[in-house]
């Protein structure tokens, strides 16, 4: 009975908004943050240097994105970041984070009607055009609510097994291994904006997803504009080397391994050093 009550409440919200049968567009701005899992040899890097490196890496991962959408299509792109991290670690640390919509030239197109995605992304200095199927998400919808801005949001949870690739370099010997783990993702969506869109690859709920937390990364909406004065045009990317999702993952793994070897490349065999990083999921 309790479950039926909140389902009826959702239906009432959809009807009362007057948006259910309308064609409308919107712009949503999101901020992202990420927990890090990078380990370096403590004998080669002091605690202060490690803290500074972690801060700079985290800053590089704190990004602003924009989701433009209509009833069935959306564009996800990164917004330009003008400020730079302050302070000097005494080390030359340069970071470029790549991924879905992650490059300055990145554009992710999703169509929830045809279940197709097309992404143009600049990774490691090359532009790729990745065409793929829109991956379905199995959501467990709950009656728990909270307020995000002026919108009442409902909680939904999904679980899936993911594969992480761990690259390690110890004393000049490079090693790659895959580890599987269960990832629990919690999202908050609002039926007051009745589209099944969300940030990045998230979708499939009866309302716009305003917050995502997968345990390591958080994406939260900071602003929504519905039916803006300037018309919204949803673009389908066309530029870049055409690959499918599996081909793109192989390319990214190979590039990540090269980066790992470069980080350990300055050590001679027999000297003690270690470096480890994780990618995936």
C-alpha atoms as a PDB file:
ATOM      1  CA  UNK A   1       0.000   0.000   0.000  1.00  0.00           C
ATOM      2  CA  UNK A   2       2.844   2.377   0.890  1.00  0.00           C
ATOM      3  CA  UNK A   3       4.520   1.764  -2.475  1.00  0.00           C
ATOM      4  CA  UNK A   4       1.236   2.372  -4.334  1.00  0.00           C
ATOM      5  CA  UNK A   5       0.802   5.644  -2.445  1.00  0.00           C
ATOM      6  CA  UNK A   6       4.078   7.157  -3.564  1.00  0.00           C
ATOM      7  CA  UNK A   7       3.588   5.910  -7.145  1.00  0.00           C
ATOM      8  CA  UNK A   8       0.244   7.744  -7.161  1.00  0.00           C
ATOM      9  CA  UNK A   9       1.994  10.793  -5.747  1.00  0.00           C
ATOM     10  CA  UNK A  10       4.494  10.712  -8.616  1.00  0.00           C
ATOM     11  CA  UNK A  11       1.647  10.500 -11.121  1.00  0.00           C
ATOM     12  CA  UNK A  12      -0.078  13.464  -9.479  1.00  0.00           C
ATOM     13  CA  UNK A  13       3.118  15.515  -9.672  1.00  0.00           C
ATOM     14  CA  UNK A  14       3.501  14.737 -13.385  1.00  0.00           C
ATOM     15  CA  UNK A  15      -0.091  15.781 -14.093  1.00  0.00           C
ATOM     16  CA  UNK A  16       0.000  18.867 -11.892  1.00  0.00           C
ATOM     17  CA  UNK A  17       3.156  20.239 -13.522  1.00  0.00           C
ATOM     18  CA  UNK A  18       1.333  20.451 -16.838  1.00  0.00           C
ATOM     19  CA  UNK A  19       4.519  19.327 -18.587  1.00  0.00           C
ATOM     20  CA  UNK A  20       3.570  15.716 -19.254  1.00  0.00           C
ATOM     21  CA  UNK A  21       2.068  16.340 -22.694  1.00  0.00           C
ATOM     22  CA  UNK A  22       4.158  19.354 -23.627  1.00  0.00           C
ATOM     23  CA  UNK A  23       7.171  19.594 -25.880  1.00  0.00           C
ATOM     24  CA  UNK A  24       9.780  21.415 -23.850  1.00  0.00           C
ATOM     25  CA  UNK A  25      13.515  21.876 -23.596  1.00  0.00           C
ATOM     26  CA  UNK A  26      15.917  22.532 -20.774  1.00  0.00           C
ATOM     27  CA  UNK A  27      19.460  23.258 -19.650  1.00  0.00           C
ATOM     28  CA  UNK A  28      20.908  21.724 -16.484  1.00  0.00           C
ATOM     29  CA  UNK A  29      24.347  22.546 -15.037  1.00  0.00           C
ATOM     30  CA  UNK A  30      26.236  19.952 -12.967  1.00  0.00           C
ATOM     31  CA  UNK A  31      29.355  19.991 -10.799  1.00  0.00           C
ATOM     32  CA  UNK A  32      31.446  16.829 -10.446  1.00  0.00           C
ATOM     33  CA  UNK A  33      33.919  15.618  -7.842  1.00  0.00           C
ATOM     34  CA  UNK A  34      35.846  12.352  -7.471  1.00  0.00           C
ATOM     35  CA  UNK A  35      37.611  10.310  -4.803  1.00  0.00           C
ATOM     36  CA  UNK A  36      41.138   9.309  -5.765  1.00  0.00           C
ATOM     37  CA  UNK A  37      42.858   5.943  -5.546  1.00  0.00           C
ATOM     38  CA  UNK A  38      46.457   6.639  -6.557  1.00  0.00           C
ATOM     39  CA  UNK A  39      49.433   5.226  -4.646  1.00  0.00           C
ATOM     40  CA  UNK A  40      53.077   6.227  -4.995  1.00  0.00           C
ATOM     41  CA  UNK A  41      56.247   5.109  -3.257  1.00  0.00           C
ATOM     42  CA  UNK A  42      56.474   6.901   0.115  1.00  0.00           C
ATOM     43  CA  UNK A  43      60.280   6.741  -0.049  1.00  0.00           C
ATOM     44  CA  UNK A  44      60.242   8.790  -3.256  1.00  0.00           C
ATOM     45  CA  UNK A  45      57.410  11.191  -2.382  1.00  0.00           C
ATOM     46  CA  UNK A  46      57.019  13.039   0.938  1.00  0.00           C
ATOM     47  CA  UNK A  47      53.681  13.289   2.729  1.00  0.00           C
ATOM     48  CA  UNK A  48      53.409  17.012   1.879  1.00  0.00           C
ATOM     49  CA  UNK A  49      54.173  16.374  -1.783  1.00  0.00           C
ATOM     50  CA  UNK A  50      51.624  13.554  -1.914  1.00  0.00           C
ATOM     51  CA  UNK A  51      48.953  15.801  -0.364  1.00  0.00           C
ATOM     52  CA  UNK A  52      49.690  18.504  -2.924  1.00  0.00           C
ATOM     53  CA  UNK A  53      49.568  16.025  -5.811  1.00  0.00           C
ATOM     54  CA  UNK A  54      46.253  14.636  -4.553  1.00  0.00           C
ATOM     55  CA  UNK A  55      44.852  18.188  -4.295  1.00  0.00           C
ATOM     56  CA  UNK A  56      45.938  19.050  -7.827  1.00  0.00           C
ATOM     57  CA  UNK A  57      44.529  15.804  -9.215  1.00  0.00           C
ATOM     58  CA  UNK A  58      41.251  16.337  -7.393  1.00  0.00           C
ATOM     59  CA  UNK A  59      41.050  19.912  -8.688  1.00  0.00           C
ATOM     60  CA  UNK A  60      41.539  18.606 -12.235  1.00  0.00           C
ATOM     61  CA  UNK A  61      38.598  16.246 -11.705  1.00  0.00           C
ATOM     62  CA  UNK A  62      36.276  18.947 -10.348  1.00  0.00           C
ATOM     63  CA  UNK A  63      34.452  19.997 -13.489  1.00  0.00           C
ATOM     64  CA  UNK A  64      31.320  21.785 -14.635  1.00  0.00           C
ATOM     65  CA  UNK A  65      29.085  20.165 -17.235  1.00  0.00           C
ATOM     66  CA  UNK A  66      25.945  21.167 -19.090  1.00  0.00           C
ATOM     67  CA  UNK A  67      23.059  18.883 -20.066  1.00  0.00           C
ATOM     68  CA  UNK A  68      20.841  20.226 -22.843  1.00  0.00           C
ATOM     69  CA  UNK A  69      17.684  18.201 -23.442  1.00  0.00           C
ATOM     70  CA  UNK A  70      14.282  17.849 -25.040  1.00  0.00           C
ATOM     71  CA  UNK A  71      11.800  15.015 -24.505  1.00  0.00           C
ATOM     72  CA  UNK A  72      13.892  12.266 -26.124  1.00  0.00           C
ATOM     73  CA  UNK A  73      17.368  13.670 -26.882  1.00  0.00           C
ATOM     74  CA  UNK A  74      20.186  15.234 -24.893  1.00  0.00           C
ATOM     75  CA  UNK A  75      23.692  16.675 -25.210  1.00  0.00           C
ATOM     76  CA  UNK A  76      26.270  16.404 -22.396  1.00  0.00           C
ATOM     77  CA  UNK A  77      29.381  18.578 -22.624  1.00  0.00           C
ATOM     78  CA  UNK A  78      32.045  20.005 -20.341  1.00  0.00           C
ATOM     79  CA  UNK A  79      32.037  23.736 -19.677  1.00  0.00           C
ATOM     80  CA  UNK A  80      35.297  25.636 -19.996  1.00  0.00           C
ATOM     81  CA  UNK A  81      37.254  26.005 -16.755  1.00  0.00           C
ATOM     82  CA  UNK A  82      39.206  29.261 -16.440  1.00  0.00           C
ATOM     83  CA  UNK A  83      40.748  29.097 -12.960  1.00  0.00           C
ATOM     84  CA  UNK A  84      43.905  27.162 -12.121  1.00  0.00           C
ATOM     85  CA  UNK A  85      45.050  25.419  -8.933  1.00  0.00           C
ATOM     86  CA  UNK A  86      47.077  27.611  -6.582  1.00  0.00           C
ATOM     87  CA  UNK A  87      50.223  26.670  -4.757  1.00  0.00           C
ATOM     88  CA  UNK A  88      53.411  24.944  -5.817  1.00  0.00           C
ATOM     89  CA  UNK A  89      54.213  21.380  -4.859  1.00  0.00           C
ATOM     90  CA  UNK A  90      57.786  21.675  -6.063  1.00  0.00           C
ATOM     91  CA  UNK A  91      56.964  18.975  -8.616  1.00  0.00           C
ATOM     92  CA  UNK A  92      55.932  19.207 -12.241  1.00  0.00           C
ATOM     93  CA  UNK A  93      52.474  17.644 -12.192  1.00  0.00           C
ATOM     94  CA  UNK A  94      50.391  17.823 -15.352  1.00  0.00           C
ATOM     95  CA  UNK A  95      46.999  16.153 -15.471  1.00  0.00           C
ATOM     96  CA  UNK A  96      44.555  15.569 -18.260  1.00  0.00           C
ATOM     97  CA  UNK A  97      41.392  13.660 -17.416  1.00  0.00           C
ATOM     98  CA  UNK A  98      39.612  11.950 -20.284  1.00  0.00           C
ATOM     99  CA  UNK A  99      36.348  10.060 -20.464  1.00  0.00           C
ATOM    100  CA  UNK A 100      32.728  10.464 -21.482  1.00  0.00           C
ATOM    101  CA  UNK A 101      32.351  14.055 -22.580  1.00  0.00           C
ATOM    102  CA  UNK A 102      35.613  14.693 -20.757  1.00  0.00           C
ATOM    103  CA  UNK A 103      37.649  16.647 -23.277  1.00  0.00           C
ATOM    104  CA  UNK A 104      37.215  20.313 -24.168  1.00  0.00           C
ATOM    105  CA  UNK A 105      35.962  19.127 -27.560  1.00  0.00           C
ATOM    106  CA  UNK A 106      33.789  16.393 -26.028  1.00  0.00           C
ATOM    107  CA  UNK A 107      30.104  16.084 -26.886  1.00  0.00           C
ATOM    108  CA  UNK A 108      27.884  13.170 -25.849  1.00  0.00           C
ATOM    109  CA  UNK A 109      24.565  12.683 -27.653  1.00  0.00           C
ATOM    110  CA  UNK A 110      21.915  10.386 -26.175  1.00  0.00           C
ATOM    111  CA  UNK A 111      18.586   9.395 -27.685  1.00  0.00           C
ATOM    112  CA  UNK A 112      16.355   7.580 -25.186  1.00  0.00           C
ATOM    113  CA  UNK A 113      13.821   6.730 -27.897  1.00  0.00           C
ATOM    114  CA  UNK A 114      16.199   4.953 -30.299  1.00  0.00           C
ATOM    115  CA  UNK A 115      18.515   3.835 -27.433  1.00  0.00           C
ATOM    116  CA  UNK A 116      21.575   5.158 -29.286  1.00  0.00           C
ATOM    117  CA  UNK A 117      24.538   7.263 -28.217  1.00  0.00           C
ATOM    118  CA  UNK A 118      27.187   9.095 -30.235  1.00  0.00           C
ATOM    119  CA  UNK A 119      30.163  10.732 -28.544  1.00  0.00           C
ATOM    120  CA  UNK A 120      32.901  12.952 -29.920  1.00  0.00           C
ATOM    121  CA  UNK A 121      35.763  13.035 -27.426  1.00  0.00           C
ATOM    122  CA  UNK A 122      39.323  14.343 -27.488  1.00  0.00           C
ATOM    123  CA  UNK A 123      41.511  11.761 -25.751  1.00  0.00           C
ATOM    124  CA  UNK A 124      45.320  11.832 -25.629  1.00  0.00           C
ATOM    125  CA  UNK A 125      45.404  14.400 -28.432  1.00  0.00           C
ATOM    126  CA  UNK A 126      43.175  12.429 -30.824  1.00  0.00           C
ATOM    127  CA  UNK A 127      39.519  13.000 -31.641  1.00  0.00           C
ATOM    128  CA  UNK A 128      37.290   9.903 -31.581  1.00  0.00           C
ATOM    129  CA  UNK A 129      33.670   9.434 -32.648  1.00  0.00           C
ATOM    130  CA  UNK A 130      32.199   6.637 -30.513  1.00  0.00           C
ATOM    131  CA  UNK A 131      28.830   5.190 -31.571  1.00  0.00           C
ATOM    132  CA  UNK A 132      27.195   2.758 -29.183  1.00  0.00           C
ATOM    133  CA  UNK A 133      23.971   1.392 -27.728  1.00  0.00           C
ATOM    134  CA  UNK A 134      22.458   3.251 -24.777  1.00  0.00           C
ATOM    135  CA  UNK A 135      23.119   0.877 -21.889  1.00  0.00           C
ATOM    136  CA  UNK A 136      19.970   0.092 -19.862  1.00  0.00           C
ATOM    137  CA  UNK A 137      20.071   0.654 -16.093  1.00  0.00           C
ATOM    138  CA  UNK A 138      18.064  -1.473 -13.659  1.00  0.00           C
ATOM    139  CA  UNK A 139      16.767   0.966 -11.047  1.00  0.00           C
ATOM    140  CA  UNK A 140      15.280   0.173  -7.652  1.00  0.00           C
ATOM    141  CA  UNK A 141      12.931   3.086  -7.020  1.00  0.00           C
ATOM    142  CA  UNK A 142      12.216   4.116  -3.432  1.00  0.00           C
ATOM    143  CA  UNK A 143       9.816   6.456  -1.662  1.00  0.00           C
ATOM    144  CA  UNK A 144      12.621   8.414   0.025  1.00  0.00           C
ATOM    145  CA  UNK A 145      12.675  12.094  -0.911  1.00  0.00           C
ATOM    146  CA  UNK A 146      14.852  15.153  -0.467  1.00  0.00           C
ATOM    147  CA  UNK A 147      14.915  18.691  -1.790  1.00  0.00           C
ATOM    148  CA  UNK A 148      17.486  19.782  -4.372  1.00  0.00           C
ATOM    149  CA  UNK A 149      16.971  23.455  -5.023  1.00  0.00           C
ATOM    150  CA  UNK A 150      13.270  23.975  -5.565  1.00  0.00           C
ATOM    151  CA  UNK A 151      12.666  20.413  -6.770  1.00  0.00           C
ATOM    152  CA  UNK A 152      11.395  17.463  -4.764  1.00  0.00           C
ATOM    153  CA  UNK A 153      13.557  14.483  -5.670  1.00  0.00           C
ATOM    154  CA  UNK A 154      13.128  10.722  -5.226  1.00  0.00           C
ATOM    155  CA  UNK A 155      15.897   8.243  -4.505  1.00  0.00           C
ATOM    156  CA  UNK A 156      16.732   5.356  -6.843  1.00  0.00           C
ATOM    157  CA  UNK A 157      19.521   2.772  -6.564  1.00  0.00           C
ATOM    158  CA  UNK A 158      21.266   0.484  -9.032  1.00  0.00           C
ATOM    159  CA  UNK A 159      23.934  -2.186  -8.595  1.00  0.00           C
ATOM    160  CA  UNK A 160      26.215  -3.649 -11.218  1.00  0.00           C
ATOM    161  CA  UNK A 161      29.482  -5.528 -11.453  1.00  0.00           C
ATOM    162  CA  UNK A 162      32.282  -3.426 -12.902  1.00  0.00           C
ATOM    163  CA  UNK A 163      35.835  -4.223 -13.955  1.00  0.00           C
ATOM    164  CA  UNK A 164      38.678  -1.985 -12.844  1.00  0.00           C
ATOM    165  CA  UNK A 165      42.066  -2.105 -14.532  1.00  0.00           C
ATOM    166  CA  UNK A 166      44.935  -1.678 -12.064  1.00  0.00           C
ATOM    167  CA  UNK A 167      48.281  -0.549 -13.509  1.00  0.00           C
ATOM    168  CA  UNK A 168      51.298  -0.993 -11.251  1.00  0.00           C
ATOM    169  CA  UNK A 169      54.975  -0.220 -11.692  1.00  0.00           C
ATOM    170  CA  UNK A 170      57.423  -1.625  -9.132  1.00  0.00           C
ATOM    171  CA  UNK A 171      61.170  -1.242  -9.688  1.00  0.00           C
ATOM    172  CA  UNK A 172      60.667  -0.686 -13.392  1.00  0.00           C
ATOM    173  CA  UNK A 173      58.490  -3.781 -13.838  1.00  0.00           C
ATOM    174  CA  UNK A 174      55.062  -2.871 -15.251  1.00  0.00           C
ATOM    175  CA  UNK A 175      52.035  -4.986 -14.372  1.00  0.00           C
ATOM    176  CA  UNK A 176      48.397  -4.819 -15.402  1.00  0.00           C
ATOM    177  CA  UNK A 177      45.553  -6.720 -13.796  1.00  0.00           C
ATOM    178  CA  UNK A 178      41.786  -6.562 -13.751  1.00  0.00           C
ATOM    179  CA  UNK A 179      39.690  -6.555 -10.592  1.00  0.00           C
ATOM    180  CA  UNK A 180      35.931  -6.971 -10.401  1.00  0.00           C
ATOM    181  CA  UNK A 181      33.739  -5.354  -7.753  1.00  0.00           C
ATOM    182  CA  UNK A 182      30.100  -4.462  -7.183  1.00  0.00           C
ATOM    183  CA  UNK A 183      29.309  -0.792  -7.638  1.00  0.00           C
ATOM    184  CA  UNK A 184      26.263   0.732  -5.937  1.00  0.00           C
ATOM    185  CA  UNK A 185      25.000   3.954  -7.498  1.00  0.00           C
ATOM    186  CA  UNK A 186      22.496   6.228  -5.748  1.00  0.00           C
ATOM    187  CA  UNK A 187      20.670   8.912  -7.721  1.00  0.00           C
ATOM    188  CA  UNK A 188      18.027  11.526  -6.981  1.00  0.00           C
ATOM    189  CA  UNK A 189      15.546  12.423  -9.737  1.00  0.00           C
ATOM    190  CA  UNK A 190      12.628  14.830  -9.919  1.00  0.00           C
ATOM    191  CA  UNK A 191       9.310  13.958 -11.604  1.00  0.00           C
ATOM    192  CA  UNK A 192       8.654  17.712 -11.731  1.00  0.00           C
ATOM    193  CA  UNK A 193      10.862  17.655 -14.847  1.00  0.00           C
ATOM    194  CA  UNK A 194       9.334  14.620 -16.620  1.00  0.00           C
ATOM    195  CA  UNK A 195      12.145  13.498 -18.922  1.00  0.00           C
ATOM    196  CA  UNK A 196      14.153  10.291 -18.559  1.00  0.00           C
ATOM    197  CA  UNK A 197      17.514  12.036 -18.978  1.00  0.00           C
ATOM    198  CA  UNK A 198      20.455  12.429 -16.623  1.00  0.00           C
ATOM    199  CA  UNK A 199      24.118  13.395 -16.558  1.00  0.00           C
ATOM    200  CA  UNK A 200      26.659  11.467 -18.619  1.00  0.00           C
ATOM    201  CA  UNK A 201      25.307   7.931 -19.341  1.00  0.00           C
ATOM    202  CA  UNK A 202      22.602   7.919 -16.647  1.00  0.00           C
ATOM    203  CA  UNK A 203      18.971   7.782 -17.722  1.00  0.00           C
ATOM    204  CA  UNK A 204      15.770   5.726 -17.491  1.00  0.00           C
ATOM    205  CA  UNK A 205      13.820   7.250 -14.583  1.00  0.00           C
ATOM    206  CA  UNK A 206      10.501   9.146 -14.646  1.00  0.00           C
ATOM    207  CA  UNK A 207      12.180  12.484 -14.086  1.00  0.00           C
ATOM    208  CA  UNK A 208      15.440  14.353 -14.627  1.00  0.00           C
ATOM    209  CA  UNK A 209      18.325  12.964 -12.536  1.00  0.00           C
ATOM    210  CA  UNK A 210      19.754  15.828 -10.466  1.00  0.00           C
ATOM    211  CA  UNK A 211      22.337  13.971  -8.366  1.00  0.00           C
ATOM    212  CA  UNK A 212      24.529  10.870  -8.856  1.00  0.00           C
ATOM    213  CA  UNK A 213      26.844   9.180  -6.328  1.00  0.00           C
ATOM    214  CA  UNK A 214      28.584   5.934  -7.305  1.00  0.00           C
ATOM    215  CA  UNK A 215      30.802   5.794  -4.222  1.00  0.00           C
ATOM    216  CA  UNK A 216      33.781   7.407  -5.924  1.00  0.00           C
ATOM    217  CA  UNK A 217      32.272  10.188  -7.988  1.00  0.00           C
ATOM    218  CA  UNK A 218      29.530  12.700  -7.277  1.00  0.00           C
ATOM    219  CA  UNK A 219      27.602  14.723  -9.858  1.00  0.00           C
ATOM    220  CA  UNK A 220      25.093  17.279  -8.593  1.00  0.00           C
ATOM    221  CA  UNK A 221      22.892  19.714 -10.485  1.00  0.00           C
ATOM    222  CA  UNK A 222      23.335  23.360  -9.495  1.00  0.00           C
ATOM    223  CA  UNK A 223      21.001  25.065 -11.970  1.00  0.00           C
ATOM    224  CA  UNK A 224      18.048  24.195 -14.221  1.00  0.00           C
ATOM    225  CA  UNK A 225      16.475  26.424 -16.881  1.00  0.00           C
ATOM    226  CA  UNK A 226      13.344  25.123 -18.605  1.00  0.00           C
ATOM    227  CA  UNK A 227      12.264  26.450 -21.991  1.00  0.00           C
ATOM    228  CA  UNK A 228      15.050  29.061 -22.195  1.00  0.00           C
ATOM    229  CA  UNK A 229      14.537  32.118 -24.367  1.00  0.00           C
ATOM    230  CA  UNK A 230      17.356  31.091 -26.702  1.00  0.00           C
ATOM    231  CA  UNK A 231      16.209  27.961 -28.602  1.00  0.00           C
ATOM    232  CA  UNK A 232      18.104  24.760 -27.810  1.00  0.00           C
ATOM    233  CA  UNK A 233      19.454  22.696 -30.671  1.00  0.00           C
ATOM    234  CA  UNK A 234      20.483  19.112 -29.871  1.00  0.00           C
ATOM    235  CA  UNK A 235      23.529  18.123 -31.923  1.00  0.00           C
ATOM    236  CA  UNK A 236      24.641  14.714 -33.174  1.00  0.00           C
ATOM    237  CA  UNK A 237      28.480  14.672 -33.264  1.00  0.00           C
ATOM    238  CA  UNK A 238      30.081  13.903 -36.624  1.00  0.00           C
ATOM    239  CA  UNK A 239      33.822  14.611 -36.155  1.00  0.00           C
ATOM    240  CA  UNK A 240      36.486  12.109 -35.125  1.00  0.00           C
ATOM    241  CA  UNK A 241      37.791   8.640 -35.898  1.00  0.00           C
ATOM    242  CA  UNK A 242      34.798   6.295 -35.904  1.00  0.00           C
ATOM    243  CA  UNK A 243      34.993   3.452 -33.360  1.00  0.00           C
ATOM    244  CA  UNK A 244      32.497   1.478 -31.298  1.00  0.00           C
ATOM    245  CA  UNK A 245      32.463   1.333 -27.510  1.00  0.00           C
ATOM    246  CA  UNK A 246      34.611  -1.793 -27.214  1.00  0.00           C
ATOM    247  CA  UNK A 247      37.261  -0.467 -29.603  1.00  0.00           C
ATOM    248  CA  UNK A 248      37.424   2.798 -27.660  1.00  0.00           C
ATOM    249  CA  UNK A 249      37.931   0.983 -24.335  1.00  0.00           C
ATOM    250  CA  UNK A 250      40.842  -0.996 -25.806  1.00  0.00           C
ATOM    251  CA  UNK A 251      42.468   2.225 -27.055  1.00  0.00           C
ATOM    252  CA  UNK A 252      42.066   3.901 -23.631  1.00  0.00           C
ATOM    253  CA  UNK A 253      43.569   0.901 -21.828  1.00  0.00           C
ATOM    254  CA  UNK A 254      46.593   0.929 -24.149  1.00  0.00           C
ATOM    255  CA  UNK A 255      47.092   4.670 -23.644  1.00  0.00           C
ATOM    256  CA  UNK A 256      46.734   4.357 -19.853  1.00  0.00           C
ATOM    257  CA  UNK A 257      49.390   1.642 -19.848  1.00  0.00           C
ATOM    258  CA  UNK A 258      51.735   3.909 -21.811  1.00  0.00           C
ATOM    259  CA  UNK A 259      51.183   6.699 -19.279  1.00  0.00           C
ATOM    260  CA  UNK A 260      51.936   4.271 -16.438  1.00  0.00           C
ATOM    261  CA  UNK A 261      55.198   3.182 -18.091  1.00  0.00           C
ATOM    262  CA  UNK A 262      56.171   6.818 -18.556  1.00  0.00           C
ATOM    263  CA  UNK A 263      55.667   7.468 -14.847  1.00  0.00           C
ATOM    264  CA  UNK A 264      57.989   4.590 -13.972  1.00  0.00           C
ATOM    265  CA  UNK A 265      60.309   5.068 -16.926  1.00  0.00           C
ATOM    266  CA  UNK A 266      62.829   7.200 -15.123  1.00  0.00           C
ATOM    267  CA  UNK A 267      63.913   4.419 -12.735  1.00  0.00           C
ATOM    268  CA  UNK A 268      66.614   1.908 -13.415  1.00  0.00           C
ATOM    269  CA  UNK A 269      66.005  -1.701 -12.639  1.00  0.00           C
ATOM    270  CA  UNK A 270      67.096  -2.496  -9.101  1.00  0.00           C
ATOM    271  CA  UNK A 271      66.152   0.935  -7.739  1.00  0.00           C
ATOM    272  CA  UNK A 272      63.168   0.874  -5.415  1.00  0.00           C
ATOM    273  CA  UNK A 273      60.106   2.692  -6.685  1.00  0.00           C
ATOM    274  CA  UNK A 274      56.401   2.006  -6.972  1.00  0.00           C
ATOM    275  CA  UNK A 275      53.379   3.562  -8.632  1.00  0.00           C
ATOM    276  CA  UNK A 276      49.781   2.350  -8.903  1.00  0.00           C
ATOM    277  CA  UNK A 277      46.610   3.693 -10.463  1.00  0.00           C
ATOM    278  CA  UNK A 278      43.130   2.360 -11.163  1.00  0.00           C
ATOM    279  CA  UNK A 279      40.775   2.971 -14.061  1.00  0.00           C
ATOM    280  CA  UNK A 280      37.361   1.577 -14.849  1.00  0.00           C
ATOM    281  CA  UNK A 281      33.734   1.574 -13.823  1.00  0.00           C
END
